[in-house]
Amino acid sequence: GVGLYHGLSNEIPVGIEESGIKSVVTIHDLIFLRYPEYYKPVDRKI
């Protein structure tokens, strides 16, 4: 009976937007895009 779902760590489930359940996501940072040299390529893509 969840009416609102909060993704607390940068992601929400696939398909929730079609379920009728409202969603909020917390984005903490995009450092992997601003400073890509600090991250492995595979991690950046994920």
All heavy atoms as atom14 arrays in JSON, in Angstrom:
{
  "sequence": "GVGLYHGLSNEIPVGIEESGIKSVVTIHDLIFLRYPEYYKPVDRKI",
  "atom14_mask": [
    [1, 1, 1, 1, 0, 0, 0, 0, 0, 0, 0, 0, 0, 0],
    [1, 1, 1, 1, 1, 1, 1, 0, 0, 0, 0, 0, 0, 0],
    [1, 1, 1, 1, 0, 0, 0, 0, 0, 0, 0, 0, 0, 0],
    [1, 1, 1, 1, 1, 1, 1, 1, 0, 0, 0, 0, 0, 0],
    [1, 1, 1, 1, 1, 1, 1, 1, 1, 1, 1, 1, 0, 0],
    [1, 1, 1, 1, 1, 1, 1, 1, 1, 1, 0, 0, 0, 0],
    [1, 1, 1, 1, 0, 0, 0, 0, 0, 0, 0, 0, 0, 0],
    [1, 1, 1, 1, 1, 1, 1, 1, 0, 0, 0, 0, 0, 0],
    [1, 1, 1, 1, 1, 1, 0, 0, 0, 0, 0, 0, 0, 0],
    [1, 1, 1, 1, 1, 1, 1, 1, 0, 0, 0, 0, 0, 0],
    [1, 1, 1, 1, 1, 1, 1, 1, 1, 0, 0, 0, 0, 0],
    [1, 1, 1, 1, 1, 1, 1, 1, 0, 0, 0, 0, 0, 0],
    [1, 1, 1, 1, 1, 1, 1, 0, 0, 0, 0, 0, 0, 0],
    [1, 1, 1, 1, 1, 1, 1, 0, 0, 0, 0, 0, 0, 0],
    [1, 1, 1, 1, 0, 0, 0, 0, 0, 0, 0, 0, 0, 0],
    [1, 1, 1, 1, 1, 1, 1, 1, 0, 0, 0, 0, 0, 0],
    [1, 1, 1, 1, 1, 1, 1, 1, 1, 0, 0, 0, 0, 0],
    [1, 1, 1, 1, 1, 1, 1, 1, 1, 0, 0, 0, 0, 0],
    [1, 1, 1, 1, 1, 1, 0, 0, 0, 0, 0, 0, 0, 0],
    [1, 1, 1, 1, 0, 0, 0, 0, 0, 0, 0, 0, 0, 0],
    [1, 1, 1, 1, 1, 1, 1, 1, 0, 0, 0, 0, 0, 0],
    [1, 1, 1, 1, 1, 1, 1, 1, 1, 0, 0, 0, 0, 0],
    [1, 1, 1, 1, 1, 1, 0, 0, 0, 0, 0, 0, 0, 0],
    [1, 1, 1, 1, 1, 1, 1, 0, 0, 0, 0, 0, 0, 0],
    [1, 1, 1, 1, 1, 1, 1, 0, 0, 0, 0, 0, 0, 0],
    [1, 1, 1, 1, 1, 1, 1, 0, 0, 0, 0, 0, 0, 0],
    [1, 1, 1, 1, 1, 1, 1, 1, 0, 0, 0, 0, 0, 0],
    [1, 1, 1, 1, 1, 1, 1, 1, 1, 1, 0, 0, 0, 0],
    [1, 1, 1, 1, 1, 1, 1, 1, 0, 0, 0, 0, 0, 0],
    [1, 1, 1, 1, 1, 1, 1, 1, 0, 0, 0, 0, 0, 0],
    [1, 1, 1, 1, 1, 1, 1, 1, 0, 0, 0, 0, 0, 0],
    [1, 1, 1, 1, 1, 1, 1, 1, 1, 1, 1, 0, 0, 0],
    [1, 1, 1, 1, 1, 1, 1, 1, 0, 0, 0, 0, 0, 0],
    [1, 1, 1, 1, 1, 1, 1, 1, 1, 1, 1, 0, 0, 0],
    [1, 1, 1, 1, 1, 1, 1, 1, 1, 1, 1, 1, 0, 0],
    [1, 1, 1, 1, 1, 1, 1, 0, 0, 0, 0, 0, 0, 0],
    [1, 1, 1, 1, 1, 1, 1, 1, 1, 0, 0, 0, 0, 0],
    [1, 1, 1, 1, 1, 1, 1, 1, 1, 1, 1, 1, 0, 0],
    [1, 1, 1, 1, 1, 1, 1, 1, 1, 1, 1, 1, 0, 0],
    [1, 1, 1, 1, 1, 1, 1, 1, 1, 0, 0, 0, 0, 0],
    [1, 1, 1, 1, 1, 1, 1, 0, 0, 0, 0, 0, 0, 0],
    [1, 1, 1, 1, 1, 1, 1, 0, 0, 0, 0, 0, 0, 0],
    [1, 1, 1, 1, 1, 1, 1, 1, 0, 0, 0, 0, 0, 0],
    [1, 1, 1, 1, 1, 1, 1, 1, 1, 1, 1, 0, 0, 0],
    [1, 1, 1, 1, 1, 1, 1, 1, 1, 0, 0, 0, 0, 0],
    [1, 1, 1, 1, 1, 1, 1, 1, 0, 0, 0, 0, 0, 0]
  ],
  "atom14_positions": [
    [[0.78, -1.23, 0.0], [0.0, 0.0, 0.0], [0.81, 1.28, 0.0], [0.32, 2.34, 0.39], [0.0, 0.0, 0.0], [0.0, 0.0, 0.0], [0.0, 0.0, 0.0], [0.0, 0.0, 0.0], [0.0, 0.0, 0.0], [0.0, 0.0, 0.0], [0.0, 0.0, 0.0], [0.0, 0.0, 0.0], [0.0, 0.0, 0.0], [0.0, 0.0, 0.0]],
    [[2.08, 1.19, -0.45], [2.95, 2.36, -0.47], [2.42, 3.38, -1.49], [2.17, 3.05, -2.65], [4.41, 1.97, -0.82], [5.27, 3.2, -1.06], [4.99, 1.11, 0.3], [0.0, 0.0, 0.0], [0.0, 0.0, 0.0], [0.0, 0.0, 0.0], [0.0, 0.0, 0.0], [0.0, 0.0, 0.0], [0.0, 0.0, 0.0], [0.0, 0.0, 0.0]],
    [[2.26, 4.63, -1.03], [1.79, 5.68, -1.93], [2.91, 6.57, -2.44], [2.78, 7.23, -3.47], [0.0, 0.0, 0.0], [0.0, 0.0, 0.0], [0.0, 0.0, 0.0], [0.0, 0.0, 0.0], [0.0, 0.0, 0.0], [0.0, 0.0, 0.0], [0.0, 0.0, 0.0], [0.0, 0.0, 0.0], [0.0, 0.0, 0.0], [0.0, 0.0, 0.0]],
    [[4.03, 6.58, -1.7], [5.18, 7.4, -2.06], [6.45, 6.63, -1.71], [6.57, 6.08, -0.61], [5.16, 8.73, -1.31], [6.41, 9.61, -1.43], [6.55, 10.14, -2.86], [6.34, 10.78, -0.44], [0.0, 0.0, 0.0], [0.0, 0.0, 0.0], [0.0, 0.0, 0.0], [0.0, 0.0, 0.0], [0.0, 0.0, 0.0], [0.0, 0.0, 0.0]],
    [[7.39, 6.59, -2.66], [8.64, 5.86, -2.43], [9.8, 6.85, -2.54], [9.87, 7.65, -3.48], [8.8, 4.76, -3.48], [10.06, 3.92, -3.33], [10.11, 2.89, -2.4], [11.18, 4.16, -4.11], [11.24, 2.1, -2.26], [12.32, 3.38, -3.98], [12.35, 2.36, -3.05], [13.49, 1.58, -2.91], [0.0, 0.0, 0.0], [0.0, 0.0, 0.0]],
    [[10.72, 6.77, -1.57], [11.88, 7.66, -1.55], [13.15, 6.84, -1.71], [13.52, 6.06, -0.83], [11.91, 8.44, -0.22], [12.95, 9.5, -0.17], [12.98, 10.47, 0.82], [14.02, 9.78, -0.98], [14.0, 11.27, 0.62], [14.65, 10.86, -0.46], [0.0, 0.0, 0.0], [0.0, 0.0, 0.0], [0.0, 0.0, 0.0], [0.0, 0.0, 0.0]],
    [[13.82, 7.02, -2.84], [15.14, 6.42, -3.06], [16.18, 7.28, -2.38], [16.53, 8.36, -2.87], [0.0, 0.0, 0.0], [0.0, 0.0, 0.0], [0.0, 0.0, 0.0], [0.0, 0.0, 0.0], [0.0, 0.0, 0.0], [0.0, 0.0, 0.0], [0.0, 0.0, 0.0], [0.0, 0.0, 0.0], [0.0, 0.0, 0.0], [0.0, 0.0, 0.0]],
    [[16.69, 6.84, -1.26], [17.56, 7.66, -0.42], [18.99, 7.76, -0.91], [19.77, 8.58, -0.41], [17.55, 7.11, 1.01], [16.21, 7.23, 1.75], [16.19, 6.33, 2.98], [15.96, 8.68, 2.16], [0.0, 0.0, 0.0], [0.0, 0.0, 0.0], [0.0, 0.0, 0.0], [0.0, 0.0, 0.0], [0.0, 0.0, 0.0], [0.0, 0.0, 0.0]],
    [[19.36, 6.91, -1.88], [20.76, 6.88, -2.3], [20.89, 6.79, -3.82], [21.36, 5.79, -4.35], [21.5, 5.73, -1.63], [20.79, 4.51, -1.8], [0.0, 0.0, 0.0], [0.0, 0.0, 0.0], [0.0, 0.0, 0.0], [0.0, 0.0, 0.0], [0.0, 0.0, 0.0], [0.0, 0.0, 0.0], [0.0, 0.0, 0.0], [0.0, 0.0, 0.0]],
    [[20.38, 7.81, -4.49], [20.67, 8.04, -5.91], [19.94, 7.16, -6.92], [20.2, 7.28, -8.12], [22.18, 7.91, -6.19], [23.04, 8.73, -5.26], [22.95, 9.95, -5.25], [23.87, 8.07, -4.47], [0.0, 0.0, 0.0], [0.0, 0.0, 0.0], [0.0, 0.0, 0.0], [0.0, 0.0, 0.0], [0.0, 0.0, 0.0], [0.0, 0.0, 0.0]],
    [[19.03, 6.29, -6.49], [18.35, 5.43, -7.45], [16.94, 5.08, -6.99], [16.62, 5.13, -5.8], [19.16, 4.15, -7.7], [19.64, 3.44, -6.45], [20.6, 2.3, -6.79], [20.28, 1.47, -7.66], [21.67, 2.23, -6.15], [0.0, 0.0, 0.0], [0.0, 0.0, 0.0], [0.0, 0.0, 0.0], [0.0, 0.0, 0.0], [0.0, 0.0, 0.0]],
    [[16.1, 4.75, -7.97], [14.74, 4.27, -7.71], [14.5, 3.04, -8.59], [15.2, 2.84, -9.6], [13.68, 5.35, -8.01], [13.77, 5.84, -9.46], [13.78, 6.5, -7.02], [12.67, 6.79, -9.87], [0.0, 0.0, 0.0], [0.0, 0.0, 0.0], [0.0, 0.0, 0.0], [0.0, 0.0, 0.0], [0.0, 0.0, 0.0], [0.0, 0.0, 0.0]],
    [[13.54, 2.18, -8.24], [13.32, 0.95, -9.0], [12.85, 1.22, -10.43], [12.12, 2.18, -10.7], [12.24, 0.21, -8.2], [12.23, 0.86, -6.87], [12.66, 2.26, -7.06], [0.0, 0.0, 0.0], [0.0, 0.0, 0.0], [0.0, 0.0, 0.0], [0.0, 0.0, 0.0], [0.0, 0.0, 0.0], [0.0, 0.0, 0.0], [0.0, 0.0, 0.0]],
    [[13.25, 0.35, -11.33], [12.77, 0.4, -12.71], [11.28, 0.07, -12.74], [10.83, -0.88, -12.1], [13.55, -0.61, -13.59], [12.97, -0.67, -15.0], [15.03, -0.24, -13.62], [0.0, 0.0, 0.0], [0.0, 0.0, 0.0], [0.0, 0.0, 0.0], [0.0, 0.0, 0.0], [0.0, 0.0, 0.0], [0.0, 0.0, 0.0], [0.0, 0.0, 0.0]],
    [[10.52, 0.89, -13.43], [9.09, 0.64, -13.57], [8.21, 1.29, -12.54], [6.98, 1.23, -12.65], [0.0, 0.0, 0.0], [0.0, 0.0, 0.0], [0.0, 0.0, 0.0], [0.0, 0.0, 0.0], [0.0, 0.0, 0.0], [0.0, 0.0, 0.0], [0.0, 0.0, 0.0], [0.0, 0.0, 0.0], [0.0, 0.0, 0.0], [0.0, 0.0, 0.0]],
    [[8.78, 1.94, -11.55], [7.95, 2.56, -10.52], [7.11, 3.69, -11.1], [6.01, 3.97, -10.63], [8.81, 3.05, -9.33], [7.9, 3.36, -8.13], [9.66, 4.26, -9.72], [8.64, 3.61, -6.84], [0.0, 0.0, 0.0], [0.0, 0.0, 0.0], [0.0, 0.0, 0.0], [0.0, 0.0, 0.0], [0.0, 0.0, 0.0], [0.0, 0.0, 0.0]],
    [[7.62, 4.32, -12.15], [6.89, 5.43, -12.75], [5.6, 4.98, -13.45], [4.72, 5.81, -13.75], [7.79, 6.18, -13.74], [8.19, 5.4, -14.98], [9.38, 4.48, -14.77], [9.75, 4.22, -13.59], [9.94, 4.02, -15.77], [0.0, 0.0, 0.0], [0.0, 0.0, 0.0], [0.0, 0.0, 0.0], [0.0, 0.0, 0.0], [0.0, 0.0, 0.0]],
    [[5.48, 3.68, -13.68], [4.28, 3.14, -14.33], [3.35, 2.46, -13.33], [2.31, 1.92, -13.72], [4.68, 2.14, -15.41], [5.58, 2.75, -16.5], [6.23, 1.68, -17.36], [6.06, 0.48, -17.05], [6.91, 2.05, -18.33], [0.0, 0.0, 0.0], [0.0, 0.0, 0.0], [0.0, 0.0, 0.0], [0.0, 0.0, 0.0], [0.0, 0.0, 0.0]],
    [[3.7, 2.49, -12.05], [2.96, 1.73, -11.04], [1.87, 2.53, -10.35], [1.06, 1.96, -9.62], [3.94, 1.23, -9.98], [4.45, 2.32, -9.22], [0.0, 0.0, 0.0], [0.0, 0.0, 0.0], [0.0, 0.0, 0.0], [0.0, 0.0, 0.0], [0.0, 0.0, 0.0], [0.0, 0.0, 0.0], [0.0, 0.0, 0.0], [0.0, 0.0, 0.0]],
    [[1.87, 3.84, -10.52], [0.95, 4.68, -9.78], [1.51, 5.15, -8.45], [0.88, 5.92, -7.74], [0.0, 0.0, 0.0], [0.0, 0.0, 0.0], [0.0, 0.0, 0.0], [0.0, 0.0, 0.0], [0.0, 0.0, 0.0], [0.0, 0.0, 0.0], [0.0, 0.0, 0.0], [0.0, 0.0, 0.0], [0.0, 0.0, 0.0], [0.0, 0.0, 0.0]],
    [[2.71, 4.68, -8.1], [3.38, 5.09, -6.86], [4.26, 6.3, -7.16], [5.1, 6.26, -8.06], [4.24, 3.95, -6.29], [3.37, 2.73, -5.97], [4.99, 4.41, -5.04], [4.17, 1.49, -5.61], [0.0, 0.0, 0.0], [0.0, 0.0, 0.0], [0.0, 0.0, 0.0], [0.0, 0.0, 0.0], [0.0, 0.0, 0.0], [0.0, 0.0, 0.0]],
    [[4.06, 7.38, -6.42], [4.89, 8.56, -6.6], [6.31, 8.29, -6.07], [6.5, 7.46, -5.17], [4.29, 9.76, -5.84], [2.91, 10.18, -6.35], [3.01, 10.75, -7.76], [1.67, 11.32, -8.21], [1.75, 11.91, -9.58], [0.0, 0.0, 0.0], [0.0, 0.0, 0.0], [0.0, 0.0, 0.0], [0.0, 0.0, 0.0], [0.0, 0.0, 0.0]],
    [[7.29, 9.01, -6.63], [8.66, 8.74, -6.23], [9.49, 10.01, -6.07], [9.29, 11.0, -6.77], [9.35, 7.82, -7.25], [9.46, 8.47, -8.51], [0.0, 0.0, 0.0], [0.0, 0.0, 0.0], [0.0, 0.0, 0.0], [0.0, 0.0, 0.0], [0.0, 0.0, 0.0], [0.0, 0.0, 0.0], [0.0, 0.0, 0.0], [0.0, 0.0, 0.0]],
    [[10.41, 9.94, -5.1], [11.39, 10.99, -4.85], [12.75, 10.31, -4.78], [12.87, 9.21, -4.24], [11.1, 11.71, -3.51], [12.23, 12.68, -3.16], [9.77, 12.44, -3.56], [0.0, 0.0, 0.0], [0.0, 0.0, 0.0], [0.0, 0.0, 0.0], [0.0, 0.0, 0.0], [0.0, 0.0, 0.0], [0.0, 0.0, 0.0], [0.0, 0.0, 0.0]],
    [[13.77, 10.94, -5.34], [15.12, 10.39, -5.23], [16.05, 11.46, -4.66], [15.95, 12.64, -5.01], [15.66, 9.89, -6.59], [15.84, 11.03, -7.58], [16.97, 9.12, -6.4], [0.0, 0.0, 0.0], [0.0, 0.0, 0.0], [0.0, 0.0, 0.0], [0.0, 0.0, 0.0], [0.0, 0.0, 0.0], [0.0, 0.0, 0.0], [0.0, 0.0, 0.0]],
    [[16.92, 11.05, -3.74], [17.97, 11.94, -3.25], [19.23, 11.69, -4.07], [19.72, 10.57, -4.15], [18.29, 11.7, -1.77], [17.14, 12.03, -0.97], [19.45, 12.57, -1.32], [0.0, 0.0, 0.0], [0.0, 0.0, 0.0], [0.0, 0.0, 0.0], [0.0, 0.0, 0.0], [0.0, 0.0, 0.0], [0.0, 0.0, 0.0], [0.0, 0.0, 0.0]],
    [[19.74, 12.75, -4.69], [21.02, 12.7, -5.4], [22.05, 13.4, -4.52], [21.9, 14.57, -4.18], [20.94, 13.38, -6.78], [19.88, 12.69, -7.66], [22.3, 13.36, -7.47], [20.2, 11.26, -8.04], [0.0, 0.0, 0.0], [0.0, 0.0, 0.0], [0.0, 0.0, 0.0], [0.0, 0.0, 0.0], [0.0, 0.0, 0.0], [0.0, 0.0, 0.0]],
    [[23.09, 12.67, -4.16], [24.08, 13.2, -3.23], [25.18, 13.99, -3.92], [25.61, 15.04, -3.42], [24.67, 12.06, -2.39], [23.65, 11.44, -1.49], [23.5, 11.81, -0.18], [22.71, 10.48, -1.71], [22.51, 11.11, 0.38], [22.03, 10.3, -0.54], [0.0, 0.0, 0.0], [0.0, 0.0, 0.0], [0.0, 0.0, 0.0], [0.0, 0.0, 0.0]],
    [[25.65, 13.51, -5.02], [26.66, 14.25, -5.78], [26.85, 13.6, -7.14], [26.45, 12.45, -7.36], [28.01, 14.31, -5.04], [28.65, 12.93, -4.86], [29.13, 12.37, -5.86], [28.67, 12.43, -3.72], [0.0, 0.0, 0.0], [0.0, 0.0, 0.0], [0.0, 0.0, 0.0], [0.0, 0.0, 0.0], [0.0, 0.0, 0.0], [0.0, 0.0, 0.0]],
    [[27.47, 14.35, -8.05], [27.84, 13.83, -9.37], [29.35, 14.02, -9.57], [29.81, 14.39, -10.65], [27.05, 14.54, -10.48], [25.53, 14.39, -10.44], [24.88, 15.13, -11.6], [25.11, 12.92, -10.47], [0.0, 0.0, 0.0], [0.0, 0.0, 0.0], [0.0, 0.0, 0.0], [0.0, 0.0, 0.0], [0.0, 0.0, 0.0], [0.0, 0.0, 0.0]],
    [[30.09, 13.74, -8.52], [31.54, 13.94, -8.58], [32.17, 13.07, -9.66], [33.15, 13.46, -10.3], [32.18, 13.64, -7.21], [31.6, 14.58, -6.14], [33.69, 13.81, -7.25], [32.05, 14.27, -4.73], [0.0, 0.0, 0.0], [0.0, 0.0, 0.0], [0.0, 0.0, 0.0], [0.0, 0.0, 0.0], [0.0, 0.0, 0.0], [0.0, 0.0, 0.0]],
    [[31.6, 11.89, -9.9], [32.16, 10.99, -10.91], [32.09, 11.59, -12.31], [32.83, 11.17, -13.21], [31.45, 9.63, -10.87], [29.98, 9.71, -11.13], [29.48, 9.56, -12.41], [29.08, 9.93, -10.09], [28.11, 9.64, -12.66], [27.72, 10.02, -10.32], [27.23, 9.88, -11.61], [0.0, 0.0, 0.0], [0.0, 0.0, 0.0], [0.0, 0.0, 0.0]],
    [[31.22, 12.56, -12.53], [31.15, 13.26, -13.81], [32.03, 14.5, -13.82], [32.66, 14.82, -14.83], [29.71, 13.66, -14.12], [28.73, 12.52, -14.37], [27.31, 13.06, -14.59], [29.15, 11.68, -15.59], [0.0, 0.0, 0.0], [0.0, 0.0, 0.0], [0.0, 0.0, 0.0], [0.0, 0.0, 0.0], [0.0, 0.0, 0.0], [0.0, 0.0, 0.0]],
    [[32.1, 15.18, -12.71], [32.91, 16.4, -12.63], [34.39, 16.08, -12.54], [35.23, 16.79, -13.11], [32.47, 17.24, -11.43], [33.16, 18.57, -11.34], [32.53, 19.47, -10.29], [31.25, 19.99, -10.73], [31.11, 21.05, -11.51], [32.18, 21.67, -11.98], [29.91, 21.49, -11.84], [0.0, 0.0, 0.0], [0.0, 0.0, 0.0], [0.0, 0.0, 0.0]],
    [[34.73, 15.01, -11.83], [36.13, 14.59, -11.7], [36.25, 13.12, -12.06], [36.5, 12.27, -11.2], [36.63, 14.84, -10.27], [36.83, 16.29, -9.93], [35.82, 17.01, -9.29], [38.0, 16.96, -10.27], [35.99, 18.35, -8.98], [38.19, 18.29, -9.96], [37.17, 18.98, -9.32], [37.34, 20.31, -9.02], [0.0, 0.0, 0.0], [0.0, 0.0, 0.0]],
    [[36.08, 12.77, -13.34], [36.09, 11.36, -13.75], [37.41, 10.65, -13.48], [37.44, 9.42, -13.33], [35.79, 11.43, -15.25], [36.17, 12.82, -15.66], [35.87, 13.68, -14.49], [0.0, 0.0, 0.0], [0.0, 0.0, 0.0], [0.0, 0.0, 0.0], [0.0, 0.0, 0.0], [0.0, 0.0, 0.0], [0.0, 0.0, 0.0], [0.0, 0.0, 0.0]],
    [[38.49, 11.42, -13.37], [39.8, 10.8, -13.15], [39.91, 10.1, -11.8], [40.8, 9.27, -11.59], [40.92, 11.84, -13.28], [40.89, 12.96, -12.25], [40.06, 14.16, -12.66], [39.15, 13.99, -13.49], [40.34, 15.27, -12.15], [0.0, 0.0, 0.0], [0.0, 0.0, 0.0], [0.0, 0.0, 0.0], [0.0, 0.0, 0.0], [0.0, 0.0, 0.0]],
    [[39.0, 10.39, -10.89], [39.04, 9.77, -9.57], [38.27, 8.44, -9.52], [38.21, 7.81, -8.46], [38.45, 10.7, -8.52], [39.22, 11.99, -8.32], [38.57, 13.17, -7.98], [40.61, 12.04, -8.47], [39.27, 14.36, -7.79], [41.32, 13.21, -8.29], [40.65, 14.37, -7.95], [41.34, 15.54, -7.76], [0.0, 0.0, 0.0], [0.0, 0.0, 0.0]],
    [[37.69, 8.01, -10.64], [36.83, 6.82, -10.65], [37.23, 5.87, -11.78], [37.69, 6.3, -12.83], [35.36, 7.22, -10.83], [34.81, 8.03, -9.7], [35.02, 9.41, -9.63], [34.08, 7.43, -8.67], [34.52, 10.16, -8.58], [33.56, 8.18, -7.63], [33.8, 9.55, -7.58], [33.31, 10.29, -6.54], [0.0, 0.0, 0.0], [0.0, 0.0, 0.0]],
    [[37.0, 4.59, -11.56], [37.21, 3.61, -12.61], [36.14, 3.8, -13.69], [34.98, 4.11, -13.39], [37.1, 2.2, -12.03], [38.16, 1.87, -10.99], [37.95, 0.47, -10.43], [38.98, 0.15, -9.36], [38.77, -1.19, -8.77], [0.0, 0.0, 0.0], [0.0, 0.0, 0.0], [0.0, 0.0, 0.0], [0.0, 0.0, 0.0], [0.0, 0.0, 0.0]],
    [[36.51, 3.58, -14.97], [35.54, 3.77, -16.06], [34.25, 2.98, -15.87], [33.16, 3.49, -16.13], [36.32, 3.31, -17.3], [37.74, 3.57, -16.95], [37.85, 3.27, -15.48], [0.0, 0.0, 0.0], [0.0, 0.0, 0.0], [0.0, 0.0, 0.0], [0.0, 0.0, 0.0], [0.0, 0.0, 0.0], [0.0, 0.0, 0.0], [0.0, 0.0, 0.0]],
    [[34.35, 1.73, -15.42], [33.16, 0.91, -15.26], [32.26, 1.47, -14.17], [31.03, 1.48, -14.3], [33.53, -0.56, -14.96], [34.26, -0.7, -13.63], [32.29, -1.44, -15.0], [0.0, 0.0, 0.0], [0.0, 0.0, 0.0], [0.0, 0.0, 0.0], [0.0, 0.0, 0.0], [0.0, 0.0, 0.0], [0.0, 0.0, 0.0], [0.0, 0.0, 0.0]],
    [[32.85, 1.99, -13.1], [32.05, 2.59, -12.02], [31.34, 3.85, -12.51], [30.17, 4.08, -12.18], [32.94, 2.92, -10.83], [33.42, 1.68, -10.09], [32.77, 0.62, -10.23], [34.44, 1.75, -9.39], [0.0, 0.0, 0.0], [0.0, 0.0, 0.0], [0.0, 0.0, 0.0], [0.0, 0.0, 0.0], [0.0, 0.0, 0.0], [0.0, 0.0, 0.0]],
    [[32.05, 4.66, -13.29], [31.44, 5.88, -13.82], [30.21, 5.55, -14.67], [29.17, 6.21, -14.57], [32.44, 6.66, -14.66], [33.6, 7.25, -13.9], [34.24, 8.39, -14.67], [34.61, 8.03, -16.02], [35.81, 7.59, -16.41], [36.75, 7.42, -15.49], [36.07, 7.32, -17.66], [0.0, 0.0, 0.0], [0.0, 0.0, 0.0], [0.0, 0.0, 0.0]],
    [[30.33, 4.54, -15.5], [29.21, 4.17, -16.37], [28.01, 3.67, -15.58], [26.87, 4.02, -15.87], [29.66, 3.09, -17.37], [30.64, 3.59, -18.42], [31.04, 2.48, -19.38], [32.01, 2.99, -20.43], [32.42, 1.91, -21.37], [0.0, 0.0, 0.0], [0.0, 0.0, 0.0], [0.0, 0.0, 0.0], [0.0, 0.0, 0.0], [0.0, 0.0, 0.0]],
    [[28.27, 2.87, -14.56], [27.18, 2.34, -13.72], [26.49, 3.48, -12.98], [25.26, 3.59, -12.97], [27.72, 1.29, -12.73], [28.17, 0.02, -13.5], [26.65, 0.93, -11.7], [28.89, -0.99, -12.63], [0.0, 0.0, 0.0], [0.0, 0.0, 0.0], [0.0, 0.0, 0.0], [0.0, 0.0, 0.0], [0.0, 0.0, 0.0], [0.0, 0.0, 0.0]]
  ]
}
